[in-house]
C-alpha atoms as a PDB file:
ATOM      1  CA  UNK A   1      26.161  23.834  10.431  1.00  0.00           C
ATOM      2  CA  UNK A   2      23.520  22.460   9.207  1.00  0.00           C
ATOM      3  CA  UNK A   3      20.325  21.431  11.014  1.00  0.00           C
ATOM      4  CA  UNK A   4      19.746  17.936   9.081  1.00  0.00           C
ATOM      5  CA  UNK A   5      21.670  14.926   9.700  1.00  0.00           C
ATOM      6  CA  UNK A   6      20.607  14.039   5.745  1.00  0.00           C
ATOM      7  CA  UNK A   7      18.404  16.011   3.204  1.00  0.00           C
ATOM      8  CA  UNK A   8      17.254  15.255  -0.324  1.00  0.00           C
ATOM      9  CA  UNK A   9      15.281  17.406  -2.712  1.00  0.00           C
ATOM     10  CA  UNK A  10      13.702  15.870  -5.917  1.00  0.00           C
ATOM     11  CA  UNK A  11      15.953  12.832  -6.208  1.00  0.00           C
ATOM     12  CA  UNK A  12      15.708  10.923  -9.738  1.00  0.00           C
ATOM     13  CA  UNK A  13      17.767   7.996 -10.960  1.00  0.00           C
ATOM     14  CA  UNK A  14      17.069   5.889 -13.648  1.00  0.00           C
ATOM     15  CA  UNK A  15      18.691   2.555 -14.551  1.00  0.00           C
ATOM     16  CA  UNK A  16      18.346   2.306 -18.679  1.00  0.00           C
ATOM     17  CA  UNK A  17      14.616   2.766 -19.011  1.00  0.00           C
ATOM     18  CA  UNK A  18      13.528   2.100 -15.630  1.00  0.00           C
ATOM     19  CA  UNK A  19      12.946   4.903 -13.427  1.00  0.00           C
ATOM     20  CA  UNK A  20      13.814   3.902  -9.693  1.00  0.00           C
ATOM     21  CA  UNK A  21      13.324   7.299  -8.261  1.00  0.00           C
ATOM     22  CA  UNK A  22      11.313  10.036  -9.440  1.00  0.00           C
ATOM     23  CA  UNK A  23      11.309  13.206  -7.482  1.00  0.00           C
ATOM     24  CA  UNK A  24      12.208  11.802  -3.644  1.00  0.00           C
ATOM     25  CA  UNK A  25      12.424  14.270  -1.062  1.00  0.00           C
ATOM     26  CA  UNK A  26      13.180  13.166   2.452  1.00  0.00           C
ATOM     27  CA  UNK A  27      15.028  14.811   5.664  1.00  0.00           C
ATOM     28  CA  UNK A  28      16.013  13.754   9.266  1.00  0.00           C
ATOM     29  CA  UNK A  29      17.554  16.422  11.799  1.00  0.00           C
ATOM     30  CA  UNK A  30      20.488  15.320  13.317  1.00  0.00           C
ATOM     31  CA  UNK A  31      19.780  12.616  16.119  1.00  0.00           C
ATOM     32  CA  UNK A  32      16.544  11.539  14.830  1.00  0.00           C
ATOM     33  CA  UNK A  33      15.300   7.988  13.142  1.00  0.00           C
ATOM     34  CA  UNK A  34      13.885   8.482   9.816  1.00  0.00           C
ATOM     35  CA  UNK A  35      11.885   4.929   8.795  1.00  0.00           C
ATOM     36  CA  UNK A  36      12.198   4.621   5.061  1.00  0.00           C
ATOM     37  CA  UNK A  37       9.169   2.337   4.164  1.00  0.00           C
ATOM     38  CA  UNK A  38       8.256   0.716   0.872  1.00  0.00           C
ATOM     39  CA  UNK A  39       7.334  -2.328  -1.295  1.00  0.00           C
ATOM     40  CA  UNK A  40      10.032  -4.659  -2.505  1.00  0.00           C
ATOM     41  CA  UNK A  41      11.513  -2.584  -5.795  1.00  0.00           C
ATOM     42  CA  UNK A  42      10.160   1.021  -4.494  1.00  0.00           C
ATOM     43  CA  UNK A  43      13.481   2.387  -4.371  1.00  0.00           C
ATOM     44  CA  UNK A  44      14.787   2.242  -0.830  1.00  0.00           C
ATOM     45  CA  UNK A  45      18.155   1.139  -1.205  1.00  0.00           C
ATOM     46  CA  UNK A  46      18.474   3.414  -4.153  1.00  0.00           C
ATOM     47  CA  UNK A  47      18.069   5.837  -1.507  1.00  0.00           C
ATOM     48  CA  UNK A  48      20.597   4.775   0.823  1.00  0.00           C
ATOM     49  CA  UNK A  49      23.222   4.164  -1.925  1.00  0.00           C
ATOM     50  CA  UNK A  50      22.941   7.792  -3.305  1.00  0.00           C
ATOM     51  CA  UNK A  51      23.233   9.328   0.541  1.00  0.00           C
ATOM     52  CA  UNK A  52      26.195   7.178   0.554  1.00  0.00           C
ATOM     53  CA  UNK A  53      27.735   8.266  -2.660  1.00  0.00           C
ATOM     54  CA  UNK A  54      27.583   4.929  -4.035  1.00  0.00           C
ATOM     55  CA  UNK A  55      24.966   6.179  -6.793  1.00  0.00           C
ATOM     56  CA  UNK A  56      25.163   9.527  -8.305  1.00  0.00           C
ATOM     57  CA  UNK A  57      21.484  11.004  -8.877  1.00  0.00           C
ATOM     58  CA  UNK A  58      20.319  11.955 -12.341  1.00  0.00           C
ATOM     59  CA  UNK A  59      18.611  14.902 -10.909  1.00  0.00           C
ATOM     60  CA  UNK A  60      17.805  16.781  -7.520  1.00  0.00           C
ATOM     61  CA  UNK A  61      20.340  17.078  -4.857  1.00  0.00           C
ATOM     62  CA  UNK A  62      21.082  15.593  -1.723  1.00  0.00           C
ATOM     63  CA  UNK A  63      23.541  16.484   1.373  1.00  0.00           C
ATOM     64  CA  UNK A  64      24.541  14.231   4.523  1.00  0.00           C
ATOM     65  CA  UNK A  65      26.192  16.032   7.616  1.00  0.00           C
ATOM     66  CA  UNK A  66      26.185  19.580   5.814  1.00  0.00           C
ATOM     67  CA  UNK A  67      28.103  18.060   2.458  1.00  0.00           C
ATOM     68  CA  UNK A  68      26.412  17.782  -0.636  1.00  0.00           C
ATOM     69  CA  UNK A  69      26.625  14.377  -1.778  1.00  0.00           C
ATOM     70  CA  UNK A  70      27.740  14.703  -5.239  1.00  0.00           C
ATOM     71  CA  UNK A  71      30.276  17.810  -4.810  1.00  0.00           C
ATOM     72  CA  UNK A  72      32.011  16.172  -1.626  1.00  0.00           C
ATOM     73  CA  UNK A  73      31.620  12.702  -1.252  1.00  0.00           C
ATOM     74  CA  UNK A  74      34.691  12.066   0.565  1.00  0.00           C
ATOM     75  CA  UNK A  75      33.732  14.756   3.273  1.00  0.00           C
ATOM     76  CA  UNK A  76      30.678  12.419   3.349  1.00  0.00           C
ATOM     77  CA  UNK A  77      31.968   9.303   3.631  1.00  0.00           C
ATOM     78  CA  UNK A  78      33.729  10.336   6.600  1.00  0.00           C
ATOM     79  CA  UNK A  79      30.853  11.115   8.275  1.00  0.00           C
ATOM     80  CA  UNK A  80      28.545   7.802   7.640  1.00  0.00           C
ATOM     81  CA  UNK A  81      28.623   4.253   8.170  1.00  0.00           C
ATOM     82  CA  UNK A  82      26.064   1.843   6.556  1.00  0.00           C
ATOM     83  CA  UNK A  83      25.173  -1.543   7.640  1.00  0.00           C
ATOM     84  CA  UNK A  84      23.110  -3.735   5.336  1.00  0.00           C
ATOM     85  CA  UNK A  85      21.044  -6.968   4.981  1.00  0.00           C
ATOM     86  CA  UNK A  86      24.233  -9.028   5.607  1.00  0.00           C
ATOM     87  CA  UNK A  87      26.964  -9.219   8.183  1.00  0.00           C
ATOM     88  CA  UNK A  88      30.233  -8.026   6.402  1.00  0.00           C
ATOM     89  CA  UNK A  89      32.575  -9.174   9.275  1.00  0.00           C
ATOM     90  CA  UNK A  90      35.160 -11.837   8.829  1.00  0.00           C
ATOM     91  CA  UNK A  91      34.333 -15.248   9.905  1.00  0.00           C
ATOM     92  CA  UNK A  92      37.791 -16.234  10.478  1.00  0.00           C
ATOM     93  CA  UNK A  93      38.854 -13.474  12.615  1.00  0.00           C
ATOM     94  CA  UNK A  94      37.851 -12.626  16.251  1.00  0.00           C
ATOM     95  CA  UNK A  95      35.078  -9.935  17.104  1.00  0.00           C
ATOM     96  CA  UNK A  96      38.165  -7.845  18.567  1.00  0.00           C
ATOM     97  CA  UNK A  97      40.622  -8.574  15.484  1.00  0.00           C
ATOM     98  CA  UNK A  98      37.632  -7.369  13.062  1.00  0.00           C
ATOM     99  CA  UNK A  99      37.012  -4.174  15.050  1.00  0.00           C
ATOM    100  CA  UNK A 100      40.650  -3.753  15.383  1.00  0.00           C
ATOM    101  CA  UNK A 101      41.310  -4.155  11.967  1.00  0.00           C
ATOM    102  CA  UNK A 102      38.338  -1.514  10.750  1.00  0.00           C
ATOM    103  CA  UNK A 103      39.897   0.619  13.237  1.00  0.00           C
ATOM    104  CA  UNK A 104      43.460   0.538  11.525  1.00  0.00           C
ATOM    105  CA  UNK A 105      42.000   0.838   7.789  1.00  0.00           C
ATOM    106  CA  UNK A 106      40.451   4.037   9.214  1.00  0.00           C
ATOM    107  CA  UNK A 107      43.799   5.174  10.049  1.00  0.00           C
ATOM    108  CA  UNK A 108      43.614   4.936  14.061  1.00  0.00           C
ATOM    109  CA  UNK A 109      46.435   4.135  15.837  1.00  0.00           C
ATOM    110  CA  UNK A 110      47.105   0.623  16.526  1.00  0.00           C
ATOM    111  CA  UNK A 111      46.238   1.090  20.718  1.00  0.00           C
ATOM    112  CA  UNK A 112      43.641   3.950  19.662  1.00  0.00           C
ATOM    113  CA  UNK A 113      42.127   1.158  17.160  1.00  0.00           C
ATOM    114  CA  UNK A 114      42.311  -1.669  20.121  1.00  0.00           C
ATOM    115  CA  UNK A 115      40.974   0.532  22.647  1.00  0.00           C
ATOM    116  CA  UNK A 116      38.303   1.500  20.250  1.00  0.00           C
ATOM    117  CA  UNK A 117      37.250  -2.159  19.886  1.00  0.00           C
ATOM    118  CA  UNK A 118      37.135  -2.991  23.476  1.00  0.00           C
ATOM    119  CA  UNK A 119      34.612   0.368  23.936  1.00  0.00           C
ATOM    120  CA  UNK A 120      32.409  -1.222  21.474  1.00  0.00           C
ATOM    121  CA  UNK A 121      32.393  -4.710  22.324  1.00  0.00           C
ATOM    122  CA  UNK A 122      31.557  -3.623  25.819  1.00  0.00           C
ATOM    123  CA  UNK A 123      28.627  -1.523  24.477  1.00  0.00           C
ATOM    124  CA  UNK A 124      27.204  -4.016  22.259  1.00  0.00           C
ATOM    125  CA  UNK A 125      27.670  -6.920  24.860  1.00  0.00           C
ATOM    126  CA  UNK A 126      30.072  -9.344  23.410  1.00  0.00           C
ATOM    127  CA  UNK A 127      33.242  -8.592  25.957  1.00  0.00           C
ATOM    128  CA  UNK A 128      32.553 -12.694  26.577  1.00  0.00           C
ATOM    129  CA  UNK A 129      32.902 -13.911  22.551  1.00  0.00           C
ATOM    130  CA  UNK A 130      35.563 -10.766  22.157  1.00  0.00           C
ATOM    131  CA  UNK A 131      38.412 -13.285  21.242  1.00  0.00           C
ATOM    132  CA  UNK A 132      36.364 -16.181  19.986  1.00  0.00           C
ATOM    133  CA  UNK A 133      36.106 -16.366  15.791  1.00  0.00           C
ATOM    134  CA  UNK A 134      33.523 -14.762  14.391  1.00  0.00           C
ATOM    135  CA  UNK A 135      32.075 -18.439  12.553  1.00  0.00           C
ATOM    136  CA  UNK A 136      31.116 -19.427  16.143  1.00  0.00           C
ATOM    137  CA  UNK A 137      29.036 -16.267  16.672  1.00  0.00           C
ATOM    138  CA  UNK A 138      25.281 -16.780  16.706  1.00  0.00           C
ATOM    139  CA  UNK A 139      22.664 -14.944  14.184  1.00  0.00           C
ATOM    140  CA  UNK A 140      22.512 -12.297  17.259  1.00  0.00           C
ATOM    141  CA  UNK A 141      25.827 -12.007  17.924  1.00  0.00           C
ATOM    142  CA  UNK A 142      26.885 -11.332  14.324  1.00  0.00           C
ATOM    143  CA  UNK A 143      24.576  -8.717  13.702  1.00  0.00           C
ATOM    144  CA  UNK A 144      25.705  -6.822  17.112  1.00  0.00           C
ATOM    145  CA  UNK A 145      29.372  -6.861  15.989  1.00  0.00           C
ATOM    146  CA  UNK A 146      28.393  -5.382  12.319  1.00  0.00           C
ATOM    147  CA  UNK A 147      26.880  -2.626  13.702  1.00  0.00           C
ATOM    148  CA  UNK A 148      29.641  -2.380  16.020  1.00  0.00           C
ATOM    149  CA  UNK A 149      31.890  -2.429  13.052  1.00  0.00           C
ATOM    150  CA  UNK A 150      29.705   0.499  11.293  1.00  0.00           C
ATOM    151  CA  UNK A 151      30.424   2.685  14.519  1.00  0.00           C
ATOM    152  CA  UNK A 152      34.319   2.667  14.785  1.00  0.00           C
ATOM    153  CA  UNK A 153      34.489   5.291  13.052  1.00  0.00           C
ATOM    154  CA  UNK A 154      32.254   7.758  15.326  1.00  0.00           C
ATOM    155  CA  UNK A 155      29.829   8.271  12.288  1.00  0.00           C
ATOM    156  CA  UNK A 156      27.443  11.375  12.382  1.00  0.00           C
ATOM    157  CA  UNK A 157      25.078   9.336  10.370  1.00  0.00           C
ATOM    158  CA  UNK A 158      23.996   5.789  10.013  1.00  0.00           C
ATOM    159  CA  UNK A 159      22.540   4.102   7.273  1.00  0.00           C
ATOM    160  CA  UNK A 160      20.641   0.618   8.456  1.00  0.00           C
ATOM    161  CA  UNK A 161      19.394  -1.589   5.443  1.00  0.00           C
ATOM    162  CA  UNK A 162      16.633  -3.828   7.247  1.00  0.00           C
ATOM    163  CA  UNK A 163      19.233  -4.360  10.045  1.00  0.00           C
ATOM    164  CA  UNK A 164      17.207  -6.994  11.880  1.00  0.00           C
ATOM    165  CA  UNK A 165      16.414  -9.450   8.700  1.00  0.00           C
ATOM    166  CA  UNK A 166      16.827 -12.999  10.261  1.00  0.00           C
ATOM    167  CA  UNK A 167      16.862 -12.314  13.918  1.00  0.00           C
ATOM    168  CA  UNK A 168      14.471 -13.797  16.497  1.00  0.00           C
ATOM    169  CA  UNK A 169      12.267 -11.283  18.475  1.00  0.00           C
ATOM    170  CA  UNK A 170      14.263 -11.289  21.372  1.00  0.00           C
ATOM    171  CA  UNK A 171      17.354 -10.506  19.436  1.00  0.00           C
ATOM    172  CA  UNK A 172      15.309  -7.961  17.523  1.00  0.00           C
ATOM    173  CA  UNK A 173      14.643  -6.152  20.885  1.00  0.00           C
ATOM    174  CA  UNK A 174      18.065  -5.879  21.779  1.00  0.00           C
ATOM    175  CA  UNK A 175      19.049  -4.326  18.556  1.00  0.00           C
ATOM    176  CA  UNK A 176      15.990  -1.755  18.777  1.00  0.00           C
ATOM    177  CA  UNK A 177      17.585  -0.500  22.064  1.00  0.00           C
ATOM    178  CA  UNK A 178      21.080   0.053  20.733  1.00  0.00           C
ATOM    179  CA  UNK A 179      19.747   2.308  17.661  1.00  0.00           C
ATOM    180  CA  UNK A 180      17.658   4.096  20.638  1.00  0.00           C
ATOM    181  CA  UNK A 181      20.881   4.323  22.166  1.00  0.00           C
ATOM    182  CA  UNK A 182      22.766   5.862  19.006  1.00  0.00           C
ATOM    183  CA  UNK A 183      20.000   8.304  18.330  1.00  0.00           C
ATOM    184  CA  UNK A 184      20.146   9.792  22.124  1.00  0.00           C
ATOM    185  CA  UNK A 185      23.902   9.786  21.652  1.00  0.00           C
ATOM    186  CA  UNK A 186      23.420  12.382  18.479  1.00  0.00           C
ATOM    187  CA  UNK A 187      23.652   9.910  15.486  1.00  0.00           C
ATOM    188  CA  UNK A 188      21.223  10.501  12.710  1.00  0.00           C
ATOM    189  CA  UNK A 189      19.670   7.134  11.789  1.00  0.00           C
ATOM    190  CA  UNK A 190      17.772   6.412   8.012  1.00  0.00           C
ATOM    191  CA  UNK A 191      16.252   2.571   8.730  1.00  0.00           C
ATOM    192  CA  UNK A 192      14.970   0.873   5.985  1.00  0.00           C
ATOM    193  CA  UNK A 193      12.645  -2.452   7.303  1.00  0.00           C
ATOM    194  CA  UNK A 194       9.797  -4.808   5.837  1.00  0.00           C
ATOM    195  CA  UNK A 195       8.813  -5.522  10.082  1.00  0.00           C
ATOM    196  CA  UNK A 196       6.854  -2.530  10.525  1.00  0.00           C
ATOM    197  CA  UNK A 197       6.313  -2.401  13.999  1.00  0.00           C
ATOM    198  CA  UNK A 198      10.316  -1.761  14.022  1.00  0.00           C
ATOM    199  CA  UNK A 199       9.670   1.457  12.444  1.00  0.00           C
ATOM    200  CA  UNK A 200       6.633   2.524  14.627  1.00  0.00           C
ATOM    201  CA  UNK A 201       8.868   1.197  17.718  1.00  0.00           C
ATOM    202  CA  UNK A 202      12.122   3.527  16.324  1.00  0.00           C
ATOM    203  CA  UNK A 203      11.302   6.268  13.848  1.00  0.00           C
ATOM    204  CA  UNK A 204      10.531   9.659  14.882  1.00  0.00           C
ATOM    205  CA  UNK A 205       9.308  10.078  11.232  1.00  0.00           C
ATOM    206  CA  UNK A 206       8.463   8.073   8.560  1.00  0.00           C
ATOM    207  CA  UNK A 207       8.928   8.620   4.566  1.00  0.00           C
ATOM    208  CA  UNK A 208       6.742   5.887   2.615  1.00  0.00           C
ATOM    209  CA  UNK A 209       7.888   5.299  -1.173  1.00  0.00           C
ATOM    210  CA  UNK A 210       6.145   3.306  -3.766  1.00  0.00           C
ATOM    211  CA  UNK A 211       7.386   3.264  -7.298  1.00  0.00           C
ATOM    212  CA  UNK A 212       9.875   5.709  -6.895  1.00  0.00           C
ATOM    213  CA  UNK A 213       7.453   8.392  -5.436  1.00  0.00           C
ATOM    214  CA  UNK A 214       6.675   9.783  -1.812  1.00  0.00           C
ATOM    215  CA  UNK A 215       3.381   8.698  -1.023  1.00  0.00           C
ATOM    216  CA  UNK A 216       3.216   9.827   2.253  1.00  0.00           C
ATOM    217  CA  UNK A 217       5.343  11.262   5.226  1.00  0.00           C
ATOM    218  CA  UNK A 218       5.206  12.299   8.740  1.00  0.00           C
ATOM    219  CA  UNK A 219       5.294  11.097  12.379  1.00  0.00           C
ATOM    220  CA  UNK A 220       4.044   7.295  12.669  1.00  0.00           C
ATOM    221  CA  UNK A 221       1.066   8.751  14.927  1.00  0.00           C
ATOM    222  CA  UNK A 222       0.207  11.684  12.171  1.00  0.00           C
ATOM    223  CA  UNK A 223       0.091   8.686   9.254  1.00  0.00           C
ATOM    224  CA  UNK A 224      -2.348   6.487  11.556  1.00  0.00           C
ATOM    225  CA  UNK A 225      -4.630   9.402  11.843  1.00  0.00           C
ATOM    226  CA  UNK A 226      -4.717  10.974   8.459  1.00  0.00           C
ATOM    227  CA  UNK A 227      -5.451   7.096   7.399  1.00  0.00           C
ATOM    228  CA  UNK A 228      -8.288   6.070   9.612  1.00  0.00           C
ATOM    229  CA  UNK A 229      -9.272   8.011  12.528  1.00  0.00           C
ATOM    230  CA  UNK A 230      -9.994   6.160  15.655  1.00  0.00           C
ATOM    231  CA  UNK A 231     -11.157   2.147  15.867  1.00  0.00           C
ATOM    232  CA  UNK A 232     -13.063   1.050  19.795  1.00  0.00           C
ATOM    233  CA  UNK A 233     -11.844  -2.165  20.302  1.00  0.00           C
ATOM    234  CA  UNK A 234     -14.095  -4.526  23.019  1.00  0.00           C
ATOM    235  CA  UNK A 235     -13.777  -7.695  24.491  1.00  0.00           C
ATOM    236  CA  UNK A 236     -16.330  -8.879  26.946  1.00  0.00           C
ATOM    237  CA  UNK A 237     -16.335 -10.685  30.382  1.00  0.00           C
ATOM    238  CA  UNK A 238     -19.521 -12.862  29.217  1.00  0.00           C
ATOM    239  CA  UNK A 239     -20.028 -13.753  25.221  1.00  0.00           C
ATOM    240  CA  UNK A 240     -23.741 -13.741  25.912  1.00  0.00           C
ATOM    241  CA  UNK A 241     -23.738  -9.689  26.409  1.00  0.00           C
ATOM    242  CA  UNK A 242     -22.346  -9.416  22.439  1.00  0.00           C
ATOM    243  CA  UNK A 243     -25.970  -8.858  20.717  1.00  0.00           C
ATOM    244  CA  UNK A 244     -26.423  -5.903  23.561  1.00  0.00           C
ATOM    245  CA  UNK A 245     -22.664  -4.495  22.961  1.00  0.00           C
ATOM    246  CA  UNK A 246     -22.991  -4.666  19.542  1.00  0.00           C
ATOM    247  CA  UNK A 247     -26.434  -2.091  19.550  1.00  0.00           C
ATOM    248  CA  UNK A 248     -24.335  -0.064  21.773  1.00  0.00           C
ATOM    249  CA  UNK A 249     -21.665   0.167  19.603  1.00  0.00           C
ATOM    250  CA  UNK A 250     -23.363   0.503  16.647  1.00  0.00           C
ATOM    251  CA  UNK A 251     -25.652   3.366  18.207  1.00  0.00           C
ATOM    252  CA  UNK A 252     -22.418   5.443  19.239  1.00  0.00           C
ATOM    253  CA  UNK A 253     -20.452   4.831  16.042  1.00  0.00           C
ATOM    254  CA  UNK A 254     -23.541   4.854  13.495  1.00  0.00           C
ATOM    255  CA  UNK A 255     -22.325   1.574  12.232  1.00  0.00           C
ATOM    256  CA  UNK A 256     -22.456  -1.750  13.089  1.00  0.00           C
ATOM    257  CA  UNK A 257     -19.383  -3.414  14.365  1.00  0.00           C
ATOM    258  CA  UNK A 258     -17.226  -6.401  13.165  1.00  0.00           C
ATOM    259  CA  UNK A 259     -16.181  -9.649  15.334  1.00  0.00           C
ATOM    260  CA  UNK A 260     -12.354  -9.518  14.873  1.00  0.00           C
ATOM    261  CA  UNK A 261      -9.858 -11.889  16.377  1.00  0.00           C
ATOM    262  CA  UNK A 262     -10.108 -13.101  19.733  1.00  0.00           C
ATOM    263  CA  UNK A 263     -13.397 -12.501  19.891  1.00  0.00           C
ATOM    264  CA  UNK A 264     -13.144  -8.886  19.845  1.00  0.00           C
ATOM    265  CA  UNK A 265     -16.005  -5.997  18.330  1.00  0.00           C
ATOM    266  CA  UNK A 266     -14.320  -3.517  16.484  1.00  0.00           C
ATOM    267  CA  UNK A 267     -15.906  -0.542  14.848  1.00  0.00           C
ATOM    268  CA  UNK A 268     -14.105   2.960  13.411  1.00  0.00           C
ATOM    269  CA  UNK A 269     -15.316   6.152  15.506  1.00  0.00           C
ATOM    270  CA  UNK A 270     -14.882   9.587  14.969  1.00  0.00           C
ATOM    271  CA  UNK A 271     -13.341  11.065  18.321  1.00  0.00           C
ATOM    272  CA  UNK A 272     -12.536  10.517  21.794  1.00  0.00           C
ATOM    273  CA  UNK A 273     -15.944  11.384  23.012  1.00  0.00           C
ATOM    274  CA  UNK A 274     -16.834   7.862  21.360  1.00  0.00           C
ATOM    275  CA  UNK A 275     -15.099   6.215  24.161  1.00  0.00           C
ATOM    276  CA  UNK A 276     -16.687   7.892  26.871  1.00  0.00           C
ATOM    277  CA  UNK A 277     -20.255   7.268  25.756  1.00  0.00           C
ATOM    278  CA  UNK A 278     -19.577   3.791  24.981  1.00  0.00           C
ATOM    279  CA  UNK A 279     -18.179   3.005  28.554  1.00  0.00           C
ATOM    280  CA  UNK A 280     -21.194   5.112  29.886  1.00  0.00           C
ATOM    281  CA  UNK A 281     -23.489   3.125  28.014  1.00  0.00           C
ATOM    282  CA  UNK A 282     -21.840  -0.327  29.177  1.00  0.00           C
ATOM    283  CA  UNK A 283     -22.075   0.814  32.623  1.00  0.00           C
ATOM    284  CA  UNK A 284     -25.834   1.487  32.308  1.00  0.00           C
ATOM    285  CA  UNK A 285     -26.688  -2.099  30.945  1.00  0.00           C
ATOM    286  CA  UNK A 286     -24.230  -3.042  33.247  1.00  0.00           C
ATOM    287  CA  UNK A 287     -22.207  -5.277  30.868  1.00  0.00           C
ATOM    288  CA  UNK A 288     -18.782  -6.160  31.854  1.00  0.00           C
ATOM    289  CA  UNK A 289     -15.395  -6.181  29.573  1.00  0.00           C
ATOM    290  CA  UNK A 290     -12.271  -7.651  29.919  1.00  0.00           C
ATOM    291  CA  UNK A 291     -10.695  -4.914  27.683  1.00  0.00           C
ATOM    292  CA  UNK A 292     -12.076  -1.766  26.234  1.00  0.00           C
ATOM    293  CA  UNK A 293      -9.522   0.556  24.253  1.00  0.00           C
ATOM    294  CA  UNK A 294      -9.363   3.155  21.606  1.00  0.00           C
ATOM    295  CA  UNK A 295      -6.975   2.874  19.083  1.00  0.00           C
ATOM    296  CA  UNK A 296      -5.237   4.266  15.957  1.00  0.00           C
ATOM    297  CA  UNK A 297      -4.539   2.118  12.870  1.00  0.00           C
ATOM    298  CA  UNK A 298      -1.587   0.119  13.071  1.00  0.00           C
ATOM    299  CA  UNK A 299       1.453   0.879  11.113  1.00  0.00           C
ATOM    300  CA  UNK A 300       0.799  -2.450   8.895  1.00  0.00           C
ATOM    301  CA  UNK A 301      -3.121  -0.949   7.829  1.00  0.00           C
ATOM    302  CA  UNK A 302      -1.532   2.738   6.877  1.00  0.00           C
ATOM    303  CA  UNK A 303       1.617   0.889   5.057  1.00  0.00           C
ATOM    304  CA  UNK A 304      -1.211  -1.107   2.970  1.00  0.00           C
ATOM    305  CA  UNK A 305      -3.375   1.958   2.739  1.00  0.00           C
ATOM    306  CA  UNK A 306      -0.644   4.249   1.139  1.00  0.00           C
ATOM    307  CA  UNK A 307       0.379   1.416  -0.794  1.00  0.00           C
ATOM    308  CA  UNK A 308      -2.932   0.162  -2.328  1.00  0.00           C
ATOM    309  CA  UNK A 309      -3.778   3.707  -3.175  1.00  0.00           C
ATOM    310  CA  UNK A 310      -0.424   4.643  -4.809  1.00  0.00           C
ATOM    311  CA  UNK A 311      -0.998   1.363  -7.131  1.00  0.00           C
ATOM    312  CA  UNK A 312      -4.438   2.333  -8.075  1.00  0.00           C
ATOM    313  CA  UNK A 313      -3.259   5.936  -8.807  1.00  0.00           C
ATOM    314  CA  UNK A 314      -0.874   4.291 -11.318  1.00  0.00           C
ATOM    315  CA  UNK A 315      -3.408   2.560 -13.475  1.00  0.00           C
END
């Protein structure tokens, strides 16, 4: 059995004169979440369609659950599920009927299909709405039902193409908890998303593609360290101390701090020692702080830095 839920090496895919993928490599271990990030048109959906056996690569290889996607597509399809940006459930049927129907389409006996529907309705908190037509469901309920539908066949690998599009922050948090639960159960997840905080919260590893090529890959924390090191951020008790605080930060960091949102002074530093030195000097000068933190760049900053560099290199 392969140690990877899915893996790809040197994937190339062309559409006429356009090269959508130009040598993409990626992999995720079993029970892990891989975040696939990139600007619109970068090739994310093309990767998913190849791994899901909906497209054949022009070059390279890919395997899912240990089976080659070109040589053994039927074996791959038995082990995967795909949930796209738009829900695919039948609005005229009830939630229970939708899940039971999918179970029957997957050749489950009727009783087992009904049992599986009940299990998933409970897991996704839809018991109270189980016998109501889906047309009356909220957006969050439809998304949960769509995700439940993708799990009827107990997939080993789940492809989620922007699953939280259109969800409010509360419903998005619920979806995140469900995805974490799936990974804990051993399901390998490939996640594409436009919400970078979503990838930061869920992904064990991140692959960033731009122009059909991988421009960076690694755990979120590693990518953050690679792009920008640490930043000290300070919010003072008394704004009148800003001049003295800025002078201390400039001496510690070797450059003047900037004034950011919420009246924060922020400055890049080279390591943890800068925080200890800043704290000591503030204490000596009796400068009170409301907040003082040492932080890595956000994933948004990483993403924009990587894709901006990729765009410059392509010119």
